[in-house]
Protein backbone atom coordinates (compact mmCIF):
# COMPACT_ATOMS: atom_id res chain seq x y z
CA UNK A 1 16.28 20.38 22.22
CA UNK A 2 18.44 17.43 23.75
CA UNK A 3 16.95 15.61 21.00
CA UNK A 4 17.81 18.11 18.21
CA UNK A 5 21.47 18.85 19.57
CA UNK A 6 21.89 14.23 19.71
CA UNK A 7 20.63 14.42 16.27
CA UNK A 8 23.06 17.07 15.71
CA UNK A 9 26.20 15.05 16.19
CA UNK A 10 24.61 11.71 14.45
CA UNK A 11 24.86 13.77 11.44
CA UNK A 12 27.78 15.18 12.47
CA UNK A 13 28.96 11.33 13.27
CA UNK A 14 28.14 9.53 10.16
CA UNK A 15 27.22 12.28 7.04
CA UNK A 16 29.77 10.65 5.25
CA UNK A 17 28.73 7.94 4.80
CA UNK A 18 24.92 9.18 4.34
CA UNK A 19 25.78 10.72 1.14
CA UNK A 20 28.60 7.54 -0.19
CA UNK A 21 25.11 6.79 -2.51
CA UNK A 22 25.68 7.54 -5.89
CA UNK A 23 28.91 6.09 -6.31
CA UNK A 24 32.74 6.03 -7.07
CA UNK A 25 32.90 8.19 -9.47
CA UNK A 26 31.31 11.42 -7.50
CA UNK A 27 33.70 11.03 -4.39
CA UNK A 28 36.53 10.62 -6.36
CA UNK A 29 35.64 14.22 -8.01
CA UNK A 30 35.69 15.05 -4.60
CA UNK A 31 38.09 18.81 -3.03
CA UNK A 32 39.45 16.72 -0.26
CA UNK A 33 42.30 15.58 1.52
CA UNK A 34 43.94 12.39 -0.27
CA UNK A 35 41.80 9.84 2.60
CA UNK A 36 38.91 11.52 3.44
CA UNK A 37 38.43 10.64 -0.41
CA UNK A 38 39.87 7.23 -0.29
CA UNK A 39 37.55 6.28 2.97
CA UNK A 40 34.84 7.81 0.82
CA UNK A 41 35.51 6.19 -1.92
CA UNK A 42 35.46 3.21 -0.28
CA UNK A 43 32.06 3.68 1.33
CA UNK A 44 30.93 4.50 -1.58
CA UNK A 45 31.74 0.51 -3.12
CA UNK A 46 29.85 -1.40 -0.09
CA UNK A 47 26.79 -2.61 -0.37
CA UNK A 48 26.36 -3.08 3.12
CA UNK A 49 26.69 -1.77 6.50
CA UNK A 50 26.09 -0.98 10.20
CA UNK A 51 26.65 2.03 12.15
CA UNK A 52 26.40 2.08 16.83
CA UNK A 53 26.62 5.70 17.81
CA UNK A 54 26.35 5.79 21.87
CA UNK A 55 26.58 9.32 23.39
CA UNK A 56 25.81 11.81 26.37
CA UNK A 57 25.01 15.07 25.91
CA UNK A 58 25.90 17.27 29.10
CA UNK A 59 25.27 21.37 29.32
CA UNK A 60 23.50 23.50 27.75
CA UNK A 61 19.37 23.16 28.53
CA UNK A 62 20.06 20.15 30.17
CA UNK A 63 18.99 19.89 33.66
CA UNK A 64 21.71 20.97 36.29
CA UNK A 65 24.06 18.20 36.49
CA UNK A 66 21.74 16.06 34.80
CA UNK A 67 23.85 14.36 31.49
CA UNK A 68 21.40 13.38 28.51
CA UNK A 69 22.12 9.85 26.20
CA UNK A 70 21.41 9.07 23.25
CA UNK A 71 21.51 5.66 20.85
CA UNK A 72 21.57 5.43 16.96
CA UNK A 73 21.52 2.33 14.89
CA UNK A 74 21.59 2.42 11.08
CA UNK A 75 21.53 0.18 8.45
CA UNK A 76 22.29 1.10 5.18
CA UNK A 77 22.02 -1.63 2.26
CA UNK A 78 22.86 -1.23 -1.77
CA UNK A 79 20.27 -3.59 -4.26
CA UNK A 80 21.73 -2.58 -7.06
CA UNK A 81 20.33 1.22 -8.07
CA UNK A 82 18.23 1.32 -4.16
CA UNK A 83 19.69 2.55 -1.75
CA UNK A 84 18.32 1.41 2.08
CA UNK A 85 18.97 2.94 5.00
CA UNK A 86 17.01 2.36 7.93
CA UNK A 87 17.64 4.46 11.78
CA UNK A 88 16.92 3.87 14.99
CA UNK A 89 16.70 6.46 17.22
CA UNK A 90 16.45 6.83 20.80
CA UNK A 91 17.06 9.50 23.79
CA UNK A 92 17.60 9.21 27.07
CA UNK A 93 16.81 12.80 28.51
CA UNK A 94 18.58 13.23 31.65
CA UNK A 95 14.83 13.75 33.05
CA UNK A 96 11.83 12.68 31.28
CA UNK A 97 10.26 9.78 29.41
CA UNK A 98 12.74 7.40 27.44
CA UNK A 99 11.18 8.66 23.45
CA UNK A 100 12.34 6.14 20.30
CA UNK A 101 11.95 6.96 16.47
CA UNK A 102 12.58 5.34 13.38
CA UNK A 103 13.00 6.13 9.75
CA UNK A 104 12.93 4.16 6.77
CA UNK A 105 13.69 5.15 3.31
CA UNK A 106 14.34 2.62 0.00
CA UNK A 107 15.13 5.27 -2.98
CA UNK A 108 13.24 7.89 -3.20
CA UNK A 109 10.47 6.86 -0.26
CA UNK A 110 10.70 6.84 3.03
CA UNK A 111 8.54 6.33 6.66
CA UNK A 112 8.84 6.69 10.29
CA UNK A 113 6.98 6.29 13.33
CA UNK A 114 7.09 7.33 16.79
CA UNK A 115 8.05 3.73 19.20
CA UNK A 116 8.82 0.95 17.74
CA UNK A 117 5.21 -0.16 18.05
CA UNK A 118 3.46 2.46 16.50
CA UNK A 119 1.47 2.83 13.19
CA UNK A 120 3.83 4.33 10.36
CA UNK A 121 4.06 6.88 8.52
CA UNK A 122 4.69 6.90 4.80
CA UNK A 123 3.19 10.11 3.79
CA UNK A 124 5.83 12.73 2.28
CA UNK A 125 6.97 13.73 -1.01
CA UNK A 126 9.38 11.35 -3.29
CA UNK A 127 11.62 14.63 -2.82
CA UNK A 128 11.71 14.12 1.40
CA UNK A 129 14.02 11.58 1.72
CA UNK A 130 15.89 11.17 -2.30
CA UNK A 131 18.44 13.36 -0.72
CA UNK A 132 20.04 10.78 1.49
CA UNK A 133 19.88 7.87 -0.21
CA UNK A 134 21.01 9.65 -3.67
CA UNK A 135 23.24 12.53 -3.47
CA UNK A 136 25.99 13.71 -5.84
CA UNK A 137 27.65 13.39 -2.18
CA UNK A 138 30.19 16.51 -3.01
CA UNK A 139 26.96 18.10 -4.24
CA UNK A 140 25.35 17.90 -0.39
CA UNK A 141 28.45 17.72 1.41
CA UNK A 142 28.33 21.68 -0.30
CA UNK A 143 25.23 22.04 0.91
CA UNK A 144 25.36 20.51 4.61
CA UNK A 145 28.33 22.81 4.79
CA UNK A 146 30.69 20.30 6.23
CA UNK A 147 34.40 20.44 6.92
CA UNK A 148 36.34 17.20 7.92
CA UNK A 149 40.76 17.80 7.92
CA UNK A 150 41.80 14.50 8.88
CA UNK A 151 46.01 14.04 9.94
CA UNK A 152 47.33 10.78 10.75
CA UNK A 153 48.96 9.67 14.18
CA UNK A 154 51.41 7.05 12.72
CA UNK A 155 49.63 5.52 15.64
CA UNK A 156 47.93 1.70 15.46
CA UNK A 157 45.34 0.17 16.94
CA UNK A 158 43.25 -3.70 16.89
CA UNK A 159 39.80 -3.46 16.91
CA UNK A 160 37.56 -5.93 16.52
CA UNK A 161 41.06 -8.54 15.55
CA UNK A 162 41.12 -5.40 12.88
CA UNK A 163 44.10 -4.12 13.30
CA UNK A 164 43.14 0.21 12.74
CA UNK A 165 45.68 3.23 11.84
CA UNK A 166 44.19 6.19 13.84
CA UNK A 167 43.91 9.64 12.73
CA UNK A 168 43.67 13.07 14.65
CA UNK A 169 40.12 15.03 12.97
CA UNK A 170 38.31 17.83 12.91
CA UNK A 171 34.60 18.39 11.63
CA UNK A 172 32.35 20.89 11.51
CA UNK A 173 28.74 21.22 10.01
CA UNK A 174 27.28 24.71 9.53
CA UNK A 175 23.93 24.81 8.56
CA UNK A 176 21.79 27.14 10.48
CA UNK A 177 23.06 26.21 13.85
CA UNK A 178 26.80 25.84 14.56
CA UNK A 179 28.64 22.30 15.31
CA UNK A 180 31.95 21.70 15.62
CA UNK A 181 33.49 17.61 16.32
CA UNK A 182 37.23 16.33 16.95
CA UNK A 183 38.50 13.48 18.47
CA UNK A 184 40.01 10.27 16.55
CA UNK A 185 39.05 8.31 13.39
CA UNK A 186 40.21 4.27 13.41
CA UNK A 187 40.27 3.40 9.92
CA UNK A 188 41.18 -0.02 8.00
CA UNK A 189 44.49 -0.33 7.32
CA UNK A 190 44.05 -2.95 4.69
CA UNK A 191 40.43 -0.87 2.66
CA UNK A 192 40.33 2.56 4.71
CA UNK A 193 37.07 1.59 5.35
CA UNK A 194 36.19 3.43 8.91
CA UNK A 195 36.34 1.36 11.66
CA UNK A 196 35.14 3.22 15.29
CA UNK A 197 34.72 6.49 15.96
CA UNK A 198 35.67 9.04 18.61
CA UNK A 199 34.17 12.20 19.31
CA UNK A 200 33.93 15.31 21.36
CA UNK A 201 31.95 17.82 20.01
CA UNK A 202 29.63 21.37 21.16
CA UNK A 203 27.02 23.20 20.26
CA UNK A 204 25.12 26.82 20.76
CA UNK A 205 21.67 26.63 20.05
CA UNK A 206 20.31 29.53 22.43
CA UNK A 207 22.63 32.92 21.81
CA UNK A 208 23.72 33.35 26.22
CA UNK A 209 23.73 29.63 27.13
CA UNK A 210 26.60 27.05 27.91
CA UNK A 211 26.43 25.35 24.93
CA UNK A 212 26.01 21.82 24.99
CA UNK A 213 29.31 19.41 24.82
CA UNK A 214 28.60 15.76 23.76
CA UNK A 215 31.09 13.06 23.60
CA UNK A 216 30.47 10.14 21.30
CA UNK A 217 30.93 7.13 20.15
CA UNK A 218 30.77 5.60 16.90
CA UNK A 219 31.20 1.53 15.60
CA UNK A 220 31.20 0.13 11.99
CA UNK A 221 30.53 -2.95 11.29
CA UNK A 222 29.33 -5.98 8.91
CA UNK A 223 30.97 -4.16 5.79
CA UNK A 224 29.64 -5.73 2.70
CA UNK A 225 27.29 -8.94 4.49
CA UNK A 226 24.51 -9.98 2.24
CA UNK A 227 22.02 -11.50 4.70
CA UNK A 228 22.39 -6.81 6.32
CA UNK A 229 18.52 -6.20 5.80
CA UNK A 230 16.42 -3.03 6.97
CA UNK A 231 13.17 -3.66 8.37
CA UNK A 232 10.15 -4.24 6.10
CA UNK A 233 7.47 -1.50 6.73
CA UNK A 234 4.28 -2.88 5.55
CA UNK A 235 3.28 -1.40 1.94
CA UNK A 236 5.60 0.07 0.90
């Protein structure tokens, strides 16, 4: 259950990133706030980037007084008409063993494995990964029930030498369960590309139980880095 919550929050934080693979036209045609549309357009034009999301999870079904932690890394690289995505998810529960999973997607093909050294499973139909790598952003956001609202604070912050404009935001996903997230987006003041997201979220998975509380920081880097690569999978 902890892993389910961590995946949900990670999805909320990077959902807009995963859904910008089909280019500028779709992003510009979305019924979004101007700042969100500009951010999506800038992300759509990028040829490569990396995201690292670190989260803590408490409450809900975690052991009493326990705090679970998750670490997610995502790489997205665009080669011509093909989008490649790599996702690493490491979950450290309050009690029990650490779990690790990896996913590599290239075009409509994808492979997964449950450890850093295990065998890859590539027996998936093309439709299993097509939505993540080539989806129309407007349609994908609607189908996922994602809503995001950003408000400028007028503040400025320098992160990693990059002058950033600061926005408060609320984001919600209504897909099976309801996840709400709020916090701060830090966007590069010149390019409008995201640099960091500090988020707090909550999700109730079991009726009658307190919701999970999740805190997360996402860092974006290596925009348009030609040396950024998705790990190779034998036979893929």
